[in-house]
Amino acid sequence: MTIHHIRNATMIIESNDHVLLIDPMIGDVSTAAPPFSFIRFKPKKNPIVPLPDGAMNLINRTTHCLITHQHADHLDMAALDFLRENNIPVTCSHLDKEDLNKKGLQIDNSIEYYKTHDFLGGSIEGIPARHGYGYVAKPMGNVMGYYLKLPNEQSVYLSSDSIYTEDVQNVLLKKQPDISVVACGSAQLDIFKPLLMTIEDITRFIEDAPHQVICNHLEAVNHCPTTRKGLKEHLISNGLIEKCWIPADGDQKQY
């Protein structure tokens, strides 16, 4: 299995003949969304960085797509156009199925929480995710993480845009995923509490993860203050860096 980090939460998992595109934000700089913060952080249209060189060559090989939620930094207009034009089969939360169908996507599989579904010759299970601390999680809407077991591959837990909850911890401790993906940008709007895990909860996530951790959702949207450098320094100081991969945009790794 090869995992490619594209940008933000957009990644690709290559396994056998499958090229699985996850949470595609594939448009040009400033085309996905207006600034998510105007006061707390410098207002910039999103995404704030371009796709890495050669990314579309890889994305054009997509055979399937997996969507955790519908925010523009996980599914932008360019991605909708790409998925529609190429009739890519999409897997999503059952709560998003009707809406994504209306947007013209080909929904191949809709996933329920804590129910195991057949997926690419293996299985997929929906895991609850909570997109923010306190009140802000409610307007953030439905988000779903996924636990994947593809044939003859290491298991993967995509925690999605979530804070550290009992549901998240249970996956790490009970399912023992071989690879766990955590959104580390510590996103925050101009008001309300953070939308993603604080550095303290990122640390807890990595400590509880039984094996390798991929740290993504960094340096691509304007409301995420955590940098790769800062995160790396924190993980080094806490003795956790050896179990983590903090990919640059365009990096890939064989598992």
C-alpha atoms as a PDB file:
ATOM      1  CA  MET A   1       0.000   0.000   0.000  1.00  0.00           C
ATOM      2  CA  THR A   2       1.260   3.465  -0.914  1.00  0.00           C
ATOM      3  CA  ILE A   3      -0.146   6.560   0.779  1.00  0.00           C
ATOM      4  CA  HIS A   4       0.241   9.885  -1.001  1.00  0.00           C
ATOM      5  CA  HIS A   5      -0.305  13.142   0.856  1.00  0.00           C
ATOM      6  CA  ILE A   6      -1.659  15.725  -1.577  1.00  0.00           C
ATOM      7  CA  ARG A   7      -2.665  18.829   0.432  1.00  0.00           C
ATOM      8  CA  ASN A   8      -4.621  19.522   3.626  1.00  0.00           C
ATOM      9  CA  ALA A   9      -6.730  16.376   4.221  1.00  0.00           C
ATOM     10  CA  THR A  10      -6.558  15.274   0.595  1.00  0.00           C
ATOM     11  CA  MET A  11      -4.698  11.997   0.248  1.00  0.00           C
ATOM     12  CA  ILE A  12      -4.583   8.949  -1.971  1.00  0.00           C
ATOM     13  CA  ILE A  13      -4.308   5.322  -0.934  1.00  0.00           C
ATOM     14  CA  GLU A  14      -3.036   2.993  -3.649  1.00  0.00           C
ATOM     15  CA  SER A  15      -3.765  -0.667  -3.035  1.00  0.00           C
ATOM     16  CA  ASN A  16      -3.663  -3.348  -5.704  1.00  0.00           C
ATOM     17  CA  ASP A  17      -5.630  -1.917  -8.650  1.00  0.00           C
ATOM     18  CA  HIS A  18      -7.454   0.668  -6.537  1.00  0.00           C
ATOM     19  CA  VAL A  19      -6.553   4.351  -6.350  1.00  0.00           C
ATOM     20  CA  LEU A  20      -8.654   5.782  -3.523  1.00  0.00           C
ATOM     21  CA  LEU A  21      -8.939   9.577  -3.415  1.00  0.00           C
ATOM     22  CA  ILE A  22      -9.859  10.934   0.026  1.00  0.00           C
ATOM     23  CA  ASP A  23     -11.417  14.336   0.791  1.00  0.00           C
ATOM     24  CA  PRO A  24     -10.448  16.047  -2.462  1.00  0.00           C
ATOM     25  CA  MET A  25      -9.690  19.758  -2.409  1.00  0.00           C
ATOM     26  CA  ILE A  26      -8.000  19.973  -5.793  1.00  0.00           C
ATOM     27  CA  GLY A  27      -8.679  23.487  -7.064  1.00  0.00           C
ATOM     28  CA  ASP A  28      -6.183  26.275  -7.580  1.00  0.00           C
ATOM     29  CA  VAL A  29      -5.062  28.633  -4.827  1.00  0.00           C
ATOM     30  CA  SER A  30      -7.920  30.820  -3.491  1.00  0.00           C
ATOM     31  CA  THR A  31     -10.655  28.955  -5.405  1.00  0.00           C
ATOM     32  CA  ALA A  32     -12.227  26.675  -2.786  1.00  0.00           C
ATOM     33  CA  ALA A  33     -13.546  29.066  -0.150  1.00  0.00           C
ATOM     34  CA  PRO A  34     -13.292  32.575   1.286  1.00  0.00           C
ATOM     35  CA  PRO A  35     -11.165  33.071   4.402  1.00  0.00           C
ATOM     36  CA  PHE A  36     -12.329  30.964   7.335  1.00  0.00           C
ATOM     37  CA  SER A  37     -10.870  33.577   9.699  1.00  0.00           C
ATOM     38  CA  PHE A  38     -10.642  37.361   9.212  1.00  0.00           C
ATOM     39  CA  ILE A  39      -9.427  38.550  12.629  1.00  0.00           C
ATOM     40  CA  ARG A  40      -7.697  35.755  14.531  1.00  0.00           C
ATOM     41  CA  PHE A  41      -5.552  34.828  11.507  1.00  0.00           C
ATOM     42  CA  LYS A  42      -4.544  36.676   8.355  1.00  0.00           C
ATOM     43  CA  PRO A  43      -7.489  36.607   5.925  1.00  0.00           C
ATOM     44  CA  LYS A  44      -6.602  34.639   2.820  1.00  0.00           C
ATOM     45  CA  LYS A  45      -8.842  32.825   0.382  1.00  0.00           C
ATOM     46  CA  ASN A  46      -8.500  29.059   0.558  1.00  0.00           C
ATOM     47  CA  PRO A  47      -6.545  27.004  -0.224  1.00  0.00           C
ATOM     48  CA  ILE A  48      -3.547  29.158   0.576  1.00  0.00           C
ATOM     49  CA  VAL A  49      -1.016  26.893  -1.170  1.00  0.00           C
ATOM     50  CA  PRO A  50      -1.062  25.256  -4.628  1.00  0.00           C
ATOM     51  CA  LEU A  51      -1.306  21.576  -5.404  1.00  0.00           C
ATOM     52  CA  PRO A  52       2.143  19.959  -5.493  1.00  0.00           C
ATOM     53  CA  ASP A  53       3.746  19.379  -8.878  1.00  0.00           C
ATOM     54  CA  GLY A  54       2.370  16.317 -10.628  1.00  0.00           C
ATOM     55  CA  ALA A  55      -0.570  15.920  -8.245  1.00  0.00           C
ATOM     56  CA  MET A  56      -3.202  15.917 -10.983  1.00  0.00           C
ATOM     57  CA  ASN A  57      -1.361  13.154 -12.856  1.00  0.00           C
ATOM     58  CA  LEU A  58      -1.923  10.978  -9.803  1.00  0.00           C
ATOM     59  CA  ILE A  59      -5.450  12.239  -9.106  1.00  0.00           C
ATOM     60  CA  ASN A  60      -6.444  11.478 -12.694  1.00  0.00           C
ATOM     61  CA  ARG A  61      -5.797   7.790 -11.938  1.00  0.00           C
ATOM     62  CA  THR A  62      -8.520   7.786  -9.258  1.00  0.00           C
ATOM     63  CA  THR A  63     -10.768   4.724  -9.286  1.00  0.00           C
ATOM     64  CA  HIS A  64     -12.801   5.515  -6.144  1.00  0.00           C
ATOM     65  CA  CYS A  65     -13.395   8.458  -3.794  1.00  0.00           C
ATOM     66  CA  LEU A  66     -14.055   8.572  -0.050  1.00  0.00           C
ATOM     67  CA  ILE A  67     -15.566  11.687   1.560  1.00  0.00           C
ATOM     68  CA  THR A  68     -15.640  12.353   5.315  1.00  0.00           C
ATOM     69  CA  HIS A  69     -17.762  15.529   5.124  1.00  0.00           C
ATOM     70  CA  GLN A  70     -18.784  18.290   2.772  1.00  0.00           C
ATOM     71  CA  HIS A  71     -16.756  21.308   3.918  1.00  0.00           C
ATOM     72  CA  ALA A  72     -15.039  23.099   1.053  1.00  0.00           C
ATOM     73  CA  ASP A  73     -11.548  22.217   2.274  1.00  0.00           C
ATOM     74  CA  HIS A  74     -12.486  18.534   1.930  1.00  0.00           C
ATOM     75  CA  LEU A  75     -14.667  18.701  -1.177  1.00  0.00           C
ATOM     76  CA  ASP A  76     -14.322  21.783  -3.352  1.00  0.00           C
ATOM     77  CA  MET A  77     -16.006  22.726  -6.615  1.00  0.00           C
ATOM     78  CA  ALA A  78     -13.057  21.491  -8.656  1.00  0.00           C
ATOM     79  CA  ALA A  79     -13.393  18.101  -6.961  1.00  0.00           C
ATOM     80  CA  LEU A  80     -17.132  17.967  -7.615  1.00  0.00           C
ATOM     81  CA  ASP A  81     -16.499  18.687 -11.292  1.00  0.00           C
ATOM     82  CA  PHE A  82     -13.755  16.047 -11.445  1.00  0.00           C
ATOM     83  CA  LEU A  83     -15.866  13.364  -9.770  1.00  0.00           C
ATOM     84  CA  ARG A  84     -18.896  14.088 -11.959  1.00  0.00           C
ATOM     85  CA  GLU A  85     -16.997  14.282 -15.243  1.00  0.00           C
ATOM     86  CA  ASN A  86     -15.176  11.019 -14.603  1.00  0.00           C
ATOM     87  CA  ASN A  87     -18.110   9.126 -13.033  1.00  0.00           C
ATOM     88  CA  ILE A  88     -15.984   8.232 -10.016  1.00  0.00           C
ATOM     89  CA  PRO A  89     -17.805   5.966  -7.551  1.00  0.00           C
ATOM     90  CA  VAL A  90     -18.058   7.766  -4.209  1.00  0.00           C
ATOM     91  CA  THR A  91     -18.325   6.404  -0.682  1.00  0.00           C
ATOM     92  CA  CYS A  92     -19.707   8.737   1.982  1.00  0.00           C
ATOM     93  CA  SER A  93     -21.714   8.914   5.194  1.00  0.00           C
ATOM     94  CA  HIS A  94     -25.335   7.814   4.836  1.00  0.00           C
ATOM     95  CA  LEU A  95     -26.220  11.275   6.177  1.00  0.00           C
ATOM     96  CA  ASP A  96     -24.592  12.900   3.136  1.00  0.00           C
ATOM     97  CA  LYS A  97     -25.852  10.518   0.474  1.00  0.00           C
ATOM     98  CA  GLU A  98     -28.978  12.410  -0.569  1.00  0.00           C
ATOM     99  CA  ASP A  99     -27.243  15.777  -0.749  1.00  0.00           C
ATOM    100  CA  LEU A 100     -24.271  14.455  -2.724  1.00  0.00           C
ATOM    101  CA  ASN A 101     -26.627  12.658  -5.103  1.00  0.00           C
ATOM    102  CA  LYS A 102     -28.323  15.999  -5.756  1.00  0.00           C
ATOM    103  CA  LYS A 103     -24.901  17.437  -6.599  1.00  0.00           C
ATOM    104  CA  GLY A 104     -24.549  14.811  -9.298  1.00  0.00           C
ATOM    105  CA  LEU A 105     -22.115  12.435  -7.641  1.00  0.00           C
ATOM    106  CA  GLN A 106     -22.252   8.694  -8.204  1.00  0.00           C
ATOM    107  CA  ILE A 107     -22.759   7.335  -4.682  1.00  0.00           C
ATOM    108  CA  ASP A 108     -21.560   3.756  -4.693  1.00  0.00           C
ATOM    109  CA  ASN A 109     -21.646   3.131  -0.955  1.00  0.00           C
ATOM    110  CA  SER A 110     -23.170   5.025   1.988  1.00  0.00           C
ATOM    111  CA  ILE A 111     -21.733   4.173   5.384  1.00  0.00           C
ATOM    112  CA  GLU A 112     -23.378   4.020   8.794  1.00  0.00           C
ATOM    113  CA  TYR A 113     -21.740   4.545  12.165  1.00  0.00           C
ATOM    114  CA  TYR A 114     -20.385   1.360  13.736  1.00  0.00           C
ATOM    115  CA  LYS A 115     -21.609  -0.809  10.886  1.00  0.00           C
ATOM    116  CA  THR A 116     -19.137  -2.769   8.766  1.00  0.00           C
ATOM    117  CA  HIS A 117     -19.655  -2.535   4.992  1.00  0.00           C
ATOM    118  CA  ASP A 118     -17.924  -4.298   2.111  1.00  0.00           C
ATOM    119  CA  PHE A 119     -15.375  -2.005   0.502  1.00  0.00           C
ATOM    120  CA  LEU A 120     -12.872  -2.602  -2.312  1.00  0.00           C
ATOM    121  CA  GLY A 121     -12.658  -6.294  -1.475  1.00  0.00           C
ATOM    122  CA  GLY A 122     -12.201  -5.541   2.225  1.00  0.00           C
ATOM    123  CA  SER A 123     -14.282  -3.596   4.713  1.00  0.00           C
ATOM    124  CA  ILE A 124     -15.058  -0.096   5.955  1.00  0.00           C
ATOM    125  CA  GLU A 125     -16.734   1.069   9.158  1.00  0.00           C
ATOM    126  CA  GLY A 126     -18.058   4.529   9.979  1.00  0.00           C
ATOM    127  CA  ILE A 127     -16.697   6.158  13.145  1.00  0.00           C
ATOM    128  CA  PRO A 128     -18.312   9.214  14.778  1.00  0.00           C
ATOM    129  CA  ALA A 129     -16.303  12.436  14.594  1.00  0.00           C
ATOM    130  CA  ARG A 130     -17.007  15.700  16.431  1.00  0.00           C
ATOM    131  CA  HIS A 131     -15.874  18.778  14.517  1.00  0.00           C
ATOM    132  CA  GLY A 132     -15.087  21.161  17.373  1.00  0.00           C
ATOM    133  CA  TYR A 133     -15.145  21.746  21.118  1.00  0.00           C
ATOM    134  CA  GLY A 134     -18.382  22.903  22.671  1.00  0.00           C
ATOM    135  CA  TYR A 135     -21.164  24.668  20.775  1.00  0.00           C
ATOM    136  CA  VAL A 136     -19.294  25.118  17.488  1.00  0.00           C
ATOM    137  CA  ALA A 137     -19.519  21.391  16.701  1.00  0.00           C
ATOM    138  CA  LYS A 138     -23.257  21.692  16.019  1.00  0.00           C
ATOM    139  CA  PRO A 139     -23.097  24.164  13.096  1.00  0.00           C
ATOM    140  CA  MET A 140     -20.097  22.272  11.717  1.00  0.00           C
ATOM    141  CA  GLY A 141     -22.547  19.488  10.896  1.00  0.00           C
ATOM    142  CA  ASN A 142     -22.129  15.826  10.133  1.00  0.00           C
ATOM    143  CA  VAL A 143     -18.599  14.400   9.965  1.00  0.00           C
ATOM    144  CA  MET A 144     -17.592  10.749   9.703  1.00  0.00           C
ATOM    145  CA  GLY A 145     -14.280   9.027  10.313  1.00  0.00           C
ATOM    146  CA  TYR A 146     -13.529   5.625   8.782  1.00  0.00           C
ATOM    147  CA  TYR A 147     -11.788   2.425   9.758  1.00  0.00           C
ATOM    148  CA  LEU A 148     -10.515   0.615   6.647  1.00  0.00           C
ATOM    149  CA  LYS A 149      -9.295  -2.939   6.203  1.00  0.00           C
ATOM    150  CA  LEU A 150      -8.247  -3.518   2.608  1.00  0.00           C
ATOM    151  CA  PRO A 151      -7.179  -6.980   1.414  1.00  0.00           C
ATOM    152  CA  ASN A 152      -3.655  -7.941   2.494  1.00  0.00           C
ATOM    153  CA  GLU A 153      -2.942  -4.403   3.714  1.00  0.00           C
ATOM    154  CA  GLN A 154      -2.421  -2.694   7.025  1.00  0.00           C
ATOM    155  CA  SER A 155      -5.560  -1.293   8.651  1.00  0.00           C
ATOM    156  CA  VAL A 156      -6.129   2.466   8.420  1.00  0.00           C
ATOM    157  CA  TYR A 157      -8.103   4.773  10.717  1.00  0.00           C
ATOM    158  CA  LEU A 158      -9.063   8.125   9.182  1.00  0.00           C
ATOM    159  CA  SER A 159     -10.185  10.165  12.178  1.00  0.00           C
ATOM    160  CA  SER A 160     -11.258  13.100   9.960  1.00  0.00           C
ATOM    161  CA  ASP A 161     -11.943  16.598  11.328  1.00  0.00           C
ATOM    162  CA  SER A 162     -12.510  15.707  14.944  1.00  0.00           C
ATOM    163  CA  ILE A 163     -11.573  16.555  18.482  1.00  0.00           C
ATOM    164  CA  TYR A 164     -10.424  13.777  20.800  1.00  0.00           C
ATOM    165  CA  THR A 165     -13.536  11.919  21.913  1.00  0.00           C
ATOM    166  CA  GLU A 166     -14.313   8.583  23.500  1.00  0.00           C
ATOM    167  CA  ASP A 167     -15.250   7.256  20.050  1.00  0.00           C
ATOM    168  CA  VAL A 168     -11.845   8.252  18.682  1.00  0.00           C
ATOM    169  CA  GLN A 169      -9.982   6.785  21.639  1.00  0.00           C
ATOM    170  CA  ASN A 170     -11.926   3.526  21.422  1.00  0.00           C
ATOM    171  CA  VAL A 171     -10.824   2.979  17.821  1.00  0.00           C
ATOM    172  CA  LEU A 172      -7.184   3.468  18.779  1.00  0.00           C
ATOM    173  CA  LEU A 173      -7.289   1.267  21.862  1.00  0.00           C
ATOM    174  CA  LYS A 174      -9.718  -1.445  20.785  1.00  0.00           C
ATOM    175  CA  LYS A 175      -9.270  -1.768  17.021  1.00  0.00           C
ATOM    176  CA  GLN A 176      -5.509  -1.176  17.156  1.00  0.00           C
ATOM    177  CA  PRO A 177      -5.165   0.345  13.653  1.00  0.00           C
ATOM    178  CA  ASP A 178      -1.805  -0.065  11.962  1.00  0.00           C
ATOM    179  CA  ILE A 179      -1.997   3.469  10.552  1.00  0.00           C
ATOM    180  CA  SER A 180      -3.941   6.338  12.138  1.00  0.00           C
ATOM    181  CA  VAL A 181      -4.491   9.689  10.433  1.00  0.00           C
ATOM    182  CA  VAL A 182      -5.077  12.799  12.546  1.00  0.00           C
ATOM    183  CA  ALA A 183      -5.920  16.367  11.515  1.00  0.00           C
ATOM    184  CA  CYS A 184      -3.316  18.523  13.273  1.00  0.00           C
ATOM    185  CA  GLY A 185      -3.979  22.084  12.101  1.00  0.00           C
ATOM    186  CA  SER A 186      -5.785  23.167  15.307  1.00  0.00           C
ATOM    187  CA  ALA A 187      -8.276  25.085  13.151  1.00  0.00           C
ATOM    188  CA  GLN A 188     -10.224  27.906  14.784  1.00  0.00           C
ATOM    189  CA  LEU A 189     -12.688  30.529  13.617  1.00  0.00           C
ATOM    190  CA  ASP A 190     -12.690  34.122  14.853  1.00  0.00           C
ATOM    191  CA  ILE A 191     -15.137  33.094  17.583  1.00  0.00           C
ATOM    192  CA  PHE A 192     -15.876  29.839  19.420  1.00  0.00           C
ATOM    193  CA  LYS A 193     -13.529  27.127  20.576  1.00  0.00           C
ATOM    194  CA  PRO A 194     -11.167  25.214  18.215  1.00  0.00           C
ATOM    195  CA  LEU A 195     -12.622  23.058  15.441  1.00  0.00           C
ATOM    196  CA  LEU A 196      -9.857  20.441  15.587  1.00  0.00           C
ATOM    197  CA  MET A 197      -7.746  18.854  18.307  1.00  0.00           C
ATOM    198  CA  THR A 198      -5.606  21.147  20.399  1.00  0.00           C
ATOM    199  CA  ILE A 199      -1.920  20.253  20.618  1.00  0.00           C
ATOM    200  CA  GLU A 200      -2.647  18.577  23.957  1.00  0.00           C
ATOM    201  CA  ASP A 201      -5.243  16.300  22.374  1.00  0.00           C
ATOM    202  CA  ILE A 202      -3.068  15.637  19.341  1.00  0.00           C
ATOM    203  CA  THR A 203      -0.459  14.437  21.826  1.00  0.00           C
ATOM    204  CA  ARG A 204      -3.018  12.163  23.510  1.00  0.00           C
ATOM    205  CA  PHE A 205      -4.083  10.783  20.136  1.00  0.00           C
ATOM    206  CA  ILE A 206      -0.509   9.930  19.181  1.00  0.00           C
ATOM    207  CA  GLU A 207       0.261   8.468  22.601  1.00  0.00           C
ATOM    208  CA  ASP A 208      -2.817   6.219  22.387  1.00  0.00           C
ATOM    209  CA  ALA A 209      -2.271   5.227  18.759  1.00  0.00           C
ATOM    210  CA  PRO A 210      -0.758   1.728  18.794  1.00  0.00           C
ATOM    211  CA  HIS A 211       1.370   2.112  15.676  1.00  0.00           C
ATOM    212  CA  GLN A 212       2.121   4.676  12.967  1.00  0.00           C
ATOM    213  CA  VAL A 213       0.424   8.089  12.822  1.00  0.00           C
ATOM    214  CA  ILE A 214       0.066  10.391   9.802  1.00  0.00           C
ATOM    215  CA  CYS A 215      -0.307  14.072  10.706  1.00  0.00           C
ATOM    216  CA  ASN A 216      -2.180  16.073   8.056  1.00  0.00           C
ATOM    217  CA  HIS A 217      -4.463  19.134   7.656  1.00  0.00           C
ATOM    218  CA  LEU A 218      -1.462  21.474   7.967  1.00  0.00           C
ATOM    219  CA  GLU A 219      -0.483  24.758   6.290  1.00  0.00           C
ATOM    220  CA  ALA A 220      -3.157  24.691   3.572  1.00  0.00           C
ATOM    221  CA  VAL A 221      -6.107  26.724   4.903  1.00  0.00           C
ATOM    222  CA  ASN A 222      -5.972  30.066   6.628  1.00  0.00           C
ATOM    223  CA  HIS A 223      -7.543  29.142   9.969  1.00  0.00           C
ATOM    224  CA  CYS A 224      -5.009  26.424  10.864  1.00  0.00           C
ATOM    225  CA  PRO A 225      -2.143  27.951  12.889  1.00  0.00           C
ATOM    226  CA  THR A 226      -0.140  24.789  13.592  1.00  0.00           C
ATOM    227  CA  THR A 227       2.908  24.421  11.349  1.00  0.00           C
ATOM    228  CA  ARG A 228       4.804  21.294  10.399  1.00  0.00           C
ATOM    229  CA  LYS A 229       7.934  22.698  12.033  1.00  0.00           C
ATOM    230  CA  GLY A 230       6.147  23.550  15.265  1.00  0.00           C
ATOM    231  CA  LEU A 231       4.417  20.179  15.404  1.00  0.00           C
ATOM    232  CA  LYS A 232       7.675  18.328  14.745  1.00  0.00           C
ATOM    233  CA  GLU A 233       9.447  20.217  17.520  1.00  0.00           C
ATOM    234  CA  HIS A 234       6.626  19.433  19.932  1.00  0.00           C
ATOM    235  CA  LEU A 235       6.650  15.729  19.056  1.00  0.00           C
ATOM    236  CA  ILE A 236      10.425  15.554  19.405  1.00  0.00           C
ATOM    237  CA  SER A 237      10.259  17.158  22.842  1.00  0.00           C
ATOM    238  CA  ASN A 238       7.610  14.622  23.888  1.00  0.00           C
ATOM    239  CA  GLY A 239       9.423  11.583  22.466  1.00  0.00           C
ATOM    240  CA  LEU A 240       6.720  10.854  19.885  1.00  0.00           C
ATOM    241  CA  ILE A 241       8.303  11.777  16.571  1.00  0.00           C
ATOM    242  CA  GLU A 242       9.484   8.238  15.741  1.00  0.00           C
ATOM    243  CA  LYS A 243       5.927   6.966  15.344  1.00  0.00           C
ATOM    244  CA  CYS A 244       4.768   9.936  13.245  1.00  0.00           C
ATOM    245  CA  TRP A 245       4.932  10.990   9.603  1.00  0.00           C
ATOM    246  CA  ILE A 246       4.390  14.705   8.948  1.00  0.00           C
ATOM    247  CA  PRO A 247       4.334  14.748   5.149  1.00  0.00           C
ATOM    248  CA  ALA A 248       5.009  17.733   2.959  1.00  0.00           C
ATOM    249  CA  ASP A 249       2.537  18.267   0.143  1.00  0.00           C
ATOM    250  CA  GLY A 250       3.322  15.723  -2.558  1.00  0.00           C
ATOM    251  CA  ASP A 251       5.110  13.255  -0.270  1.00  0.00           C
ATOM    252  CA  GLN A 252       4.382   9.537  -0.418  1.00  0.00           C
ATOM    253  CA  LYS A 253       5.187   6.555   1.772  1.00  0.00           C
ATOM    254  CA  GLN A 254       5.053   2.812   1.320  1.00  0.00           C
ATOM    255  CA  TYR A 255       3.410   0.758   4.056  1.00  0.00           C
END
